[in-house]
Amino acid sequence: MNQAPSILLVEDDLILQEMYRIRLEQAGFRVTELVSGEEALRAIANNKFDLVLLDIMLPGVSGLDVLAELKDNDSTKDLPVIMLSALSTDEDKMRGREFGATDYIAKSESTPREVVAKIKSILDAK
């Protein structure tokens, strides 16, 4: 029997974090929740995740810095990362993709259900 895909959710807004966690778990994903970039880098170094859902504006190390570090590392460069951000201009989205994000989702333009659908689509394409 296959194990459920493992998602690392890095979001410092605890209400949003809970909302996404609930929806992801309802969709059958195993979810690890963290609130900072430093924690995310440590967790990724010590665990295997199928996808990272990563906020840009985090305390300490930003989501873009985490993404850049992941893409510079041979062992994590192919890990799918969806940037999840309050920043929603086309320039913000382009910047996220230039850093190597698999996708960029503006929080104001999507629902947790749509985020789950995108995650499923990305994982199915792997």
C-alpha atoms as a PDB file:
ATOM      1  CA  MET A   1       0.000   0.000   0.000  1.00  0.00           C
ATOM      2  CA  ASN A   2       1.354   3.414  -0.933  1.00  0.00           C
ATOM      3  CA  GLN A   3       1.945   5.947   1.794  1.00  0.00           C
ATOM      4  CA  ALA A   4       0.096   9.262   1.551  1.00  0.00           C
ATOM      5  CA  PRO A   5       2.173  12.087   0.037  1.00  0.00           C
ATOM      6  CA  SER A   6       3.977  14.226   2.602  1.00  0.00           C
ATOM      7  CA  ILE A   7       3.525  17.995   2.437  1.00  0.00           C
ATOM      8  CA  LEU A   8       5.625  20.524   4.314  1.00  0.00           C
ATOM      9  CA  LEU A   9       3.462  23.569   5.051  1.00  0.00           C
ATOM     10  CA  VAL A  10       5.487  26.638   6.038  1.00  0.00           C
ATOM     11  CA  GLU A  11       3.142  29.452   7.068  1.00  0.00           C
ATOM     12  CA  ASP A  12       3.524  31.884   9.970  1.00  0.00           C
ATOM     13  CA  ASP A  13      -0.152  32.904  10.057  1.00  0.00           C
ATOM     14  CA  LEU A  14      -1.480  30.207  12.394  1.00  0.00           C
ATOM     15  CA  ILE A  15      -5.100  30.628  11.290  1.00  0.00           C
ATOM     16  CA  LEU A  16      -4.161  30.141   7.625  1.00  0.00           C
ATOM     17  CA  GLN A  17      -1.820  27.317   8.583  1.00  0.00           C
ATOM     18  CA  GLU A  18      -4.648  25.462  10.318  1.00  0.00           C
ATOM     19  CA  MET A  19      -7.046  26.105   7.442  1.00  0.00           C
ATOM     20  CA  TYR A  20      -4.608  24.663   4.884  1.00  0.00           C
ATOM     21  CA  ARG A  21      -3.635  21.751   7.151  1.00  0.00           C
ATOM     22  CA  ILE A  22      -7.255  20.702   7.608  1.00  0.00           C
ATOM     23  CA  ARG A  23      -7.964  20.838   3.872  1.00  0.00           C
ATOM     24  CA  LEU A  24      -4.737  18.962   3.013  1.00  0.00           C
ATOM     25  CA  GLU A  25      -5.421  16.255   5.589  1.00  0.00           C
ATOM     26  CA  GLN A  26      -8.997  15.891   4.310  1.00  0.00           C
ATOM     27  CA  ALA A  27      -7.488  15.316   0.854  1.00  0.00           C
ATOM     28  CA  GLY A  28      -5.347  12.497   2.252  1.00  0.00           C
ATOM     29  CA  PHE A  29      -1.979  14.215   2.625  1.00  0.00           C
ATOM     30  CA  ARG A  30       0.371  13.884   5.592  1.00  0.00           C
ATOM     31  CA  VAL A  31       1.165  17.437   6.723  1.00  0.00           C
ATOM     32  CA  THR A  32       4.080  18.851   8.685  1.00  0.00           C
ATOM     33  CA  GLU A  33       3.521  22.445   9.811  1.00  0.00           C
ATOM     34  CA  LEU A  34       6.275  24.974  10.478  1.00  0.00           C
ATOM     35  CA  VAL A  35       6.355  28.754  10.927  1.00  0.00           C
ATOM     36  CA  SER A  36       9.851  29.834   9.857  1.00  0.00           C
ATOM     37  CA  GLY A  37      12.342  29.463   7.047  1.00  0.00           C
ATOM     38  CA  GLU A  38      15.026  28.191   9.416  1.00  0.00           C
ATOM     39  CA  GLU A  39      12.752  25.386  10.641  1.00  0.00           C
ATOM     40  CA  ALA A  40      11.849  24.536   7.052  1.00  0.00           C
ATOM     41  CA  LEU A  41      15.476  24.163   5.974  1.00  0.00           C
ATOM     42  CA  ARG A  42      16.228  21.924   8.972  1.00  0.00           C
ATOM     43  CA  ALA A  43      13.135  19.790   8.361  1.00  0.00           C
ATOM     44  CA  ILE A  44      13.904  19.362   4.655  1.00  0.00           C
ATOM     45  CA  ALA A  45      17.489  18.364   5.454  1.00  0.00           C
ATOM     46  CA  ASN A  46      16.271  15.647   7.844  1.00  0.00           C
ATOM     47  CA  ASN A  47      13.051  14.393   6.195  1.00  0.00           C
ATOM     48  CA  LYS A  48      11.657  13.494   2.801  1.00  0.00           C
ATOM     49  CA  PHE A  49       8.748  15.596   1.612  1.00  0.00           C
ATOM     50  CA  ASP A  50       6.867  15.211  -1.653  1.00  0.00           C
ATOM     51  CA  LEU A  51       6.090  18.934  -1.913  1.00  0.00           C
ATOM     52  CA  VAL A  52       6.632  22.174   0.022  1.00  0.00           C
ATOM     53  CA  LEU A  53       3.917  24.806   0.366  1.00  0.00           C
ATOM     54  CA  LEU A  54       5.954  27.869   1.312  1.00  0.00           C
ATOM     55  CA  ASP A  55       4.919  31.357   2.392  1.00  0.00           C
ATOM     56  CA  ILE A  56       7.215  34.130   1.158  1.00  0.00           C
ATOM     57  CA  MET A  57       6.993  36.504   4.103  1.00  0.00           C
ATOM     58  CA  LEU A  58       8.340  34.519   7.052  1.00  0.00           C
ATOM     59  CA  PRO A  59      10.174  35.645  10.177  1.00  0.00           C
ATOM     60  CA  GLY A  60      13.950  35.389   9.798  1.00  0.00           C
ATOM     61  CA  VAL A  61      14.821  33.564   6.579  1.00  0.00           C
ATOM     62  CA  SER A  62      12.270  34.463   3.892  1.00  0.00           C
ATOM     63  CA  GLY A  63      10.483  31.931   1.743  1.00  0.00           C
ATOM     64  CA  LEU A  64      12.410  33.142  -1.301  1.00  0.00           C
ATOM     65  CA  ASP A  65      15.690  32.534   0.544  1.00  0.00           C
ATOM     66  CA  VAL A  66      14.516  29.024   1.468  1.00  0.00           C
ATOM     67  CA  LEU A  67      13.551  28.406  -2.155  1.00  0.00           C
ATOM     68  CA  ALA A  68      16.905  29.657  -3.434  1.00  0.00           C
ATOM     69  CA  GLU A  69      18.757  27.377  -1.014  1.00  0.00           C
ATOM     70  CA  LEU A  70      16.651  24.367  -2.025  1.00  0.00           C
ATOM     71  CA  LYS A  71      17.241  24.980  -5.726  1.00  0.00           C
ATOM     72  CA  ASP A  72      21.012  25.376  -5.164  1.00  0.00           C
ATOM     73  CA  ASN A  73      21.255  21.978  -3.447  1.00  0.00           C
ATOM     74  CA  ASP A  74      21.526  18.866  -5.637  1.00  0.00           C
ATOM     75  CA  SER A  75      19.529  16.770  -3.169  1.00  0.00           C
ATOM     76  CA  THR A  76      16.559  19.187  -3.070  1.00  0.00           C
ATOM     77  CA  LYS A  77      16.665  21.003  -6.418  1.00  0.00           C
ATOM     78  CA  ASP A  78      13.869  18.821  -7.857  1.00  0.00           C
ATOM     79  CA  LEU A  79      11.592  19.118  -4.809  1.00  0.00           C
ATOM     80  CA  PRO A  80       8.361  20.804  -5.954  1.00  0.00           C
ATOM     81  CA  VAL A  81       7.764  24.102  -4.134  1.00  0.00           C
ATOM     82  CA  ILE A  82       4.575  26.127  -4.339  1.00  0.00           C
ATOM     83  CA  MET A  83       4.979  29.683  -3.112  1.00  0.00           C
ATOM     84  CA  LEU A  84       1.963  30.850  -1.150  1.00  0.00           C
ATOM     85  CA  SER A  85       1.901  34.590  -0.628  1.00  0.00           C
ATOM     86  CA  ALA A  86      -0.080  37.705   0.113  1.00  0.00           C
ATOM     87  CA  LEU A  87       2.046  39.330  -2.612  1.00  0.00           C
ATOM     88  CA  SER A  88      -0.054  38.999  -5.728  1.00  0.00           C
ATOM     89  CA  THR A  89       1.256  41.241  -8.510  1.00  0.00           C
ATOM     90  CA  ASP A  90       2.464  39.706 -11.767  1.00  0.00           C
ATOM     91  CA  GLU A  91       5.967  40.878 -10.829  1.00  0.00           C
ATOM     92  CA  ASP A  92       5.780  38.985  -7.508  1.00  0.00           C
ATOM     93  CA  LYS A  93       4.637  35.832  -9.292  1.00  0.00           C
ATOM     94  CA  MET A  94       7.379  36.136 -11.909  1.00  0.00           C
ATOM     95  CA  ARG A  95       9.991  36.629  -9.203  1.00  0.00           C
ATOM     96  CA  GLY A  96       8.864  33.445  -7.437  1.00  0.00           C
ATOM     97  CA  ARG A  97       9.117  31.453 -10.652  1.00  0.00           C
ATOM     98  CA  GLU A  98      12.532  32.974 -11.432  1.00  0.00           C
ATOM     99  CA  PHE A  99      13.717  31.658  -8.057  1.00  0.00           C
ATOM    100  CA  GLY A 100      12.579  28.199  -9.149  1.00  0.00           C
ATOM    101  CA  ALA A 101       9.087  27.821  -7.699  1.00  0.00           C
ATOM    102  CA  THR A 102       6.982  25.121  -9.314  1.00  0.00           C
ATOM    103  CA  ASP A 103       3.961  27.386  -8.915  1.00  0.00           C
ATOM    104  CA  TYR A 104       2.991  30.642  -7.203  1.00  0.00           C
ATOM    105  CA  ILE A 105      -0.366  31.071  -5.523  1.00  0.00           C
ATOM    106  CA  ALA A 106      -1.638  34.406  -4.263  1.00  0.00           C
ATOM    107  CA  LYS A 107      -3.566  33.850  -1.029  1.00  0.00           C
ATOM    108  CA  SER A 108      -6.155  36.441  -2.032  1.00  0.00           C
ATOM    109  CA  GLU A 109      -6.799  34.731  -5.372  1.00  0.00           C
ATOM    110  CA  SER A 110      -7.302  31.124  -4.280  1.00  0.00           C
ATOM    111  CA  THR A 111      -9.035  28.890  -1.789  1.00  0.00           C
ATOM    112  CA  PRO A 112      -7.531  25.963   0.118  1.00  0.00           C
ATOM    113  CA  ARG A 113      -9.540  23.650  -2.161  1.00  0.00           C
ATOM    114  CA  GLU A 114      -7.830  25.159  -5.234  1.00  0.00           C
ATOM    115  CA  VAL A 115      -4.429  24.804  -3.549  1.00  0.00           C
ATOM    116  CA  VAL A 116      -5.129  21.100  -2.948  1.00  0.00           C
ATOM    117  CA  ALA A 117      -6.091  20.690  -6.614  1.00  0.00           C
ATOM    118  CA  LYS A 118      -2.804  22.304  -7.709  1.00  0.00           C
ATOM    119  CA  ILE A 119      -0.806  20.090  -5.358  1.00  0.00           C
ATOM    120  CA  LYS A 120      -2.515  16.962  -6.712  1.00  0.00           C
ATOM    121  CA  SER A 121      -1.830  18.089 -10.269  1.00  0.00           C
ATOM    122  CA  ILE A 122       1.868  18.695  -9.559  1.00  0.00           C
ATOM    123  CA  LEU A 123       2.311  15.388  -7.735  1.00  0.00           C
ATOM    124  CA  ASP A 124       0.446  13.470 -10.466  1.00  0.00           C
ATOM    125  CA  ALA A 125       2.819  14.958 -13.062  1.00  0.00           C
ATOM    126  CA  LYS A 126       5.946  13.740 -11.182  1.00  0.00           C
END
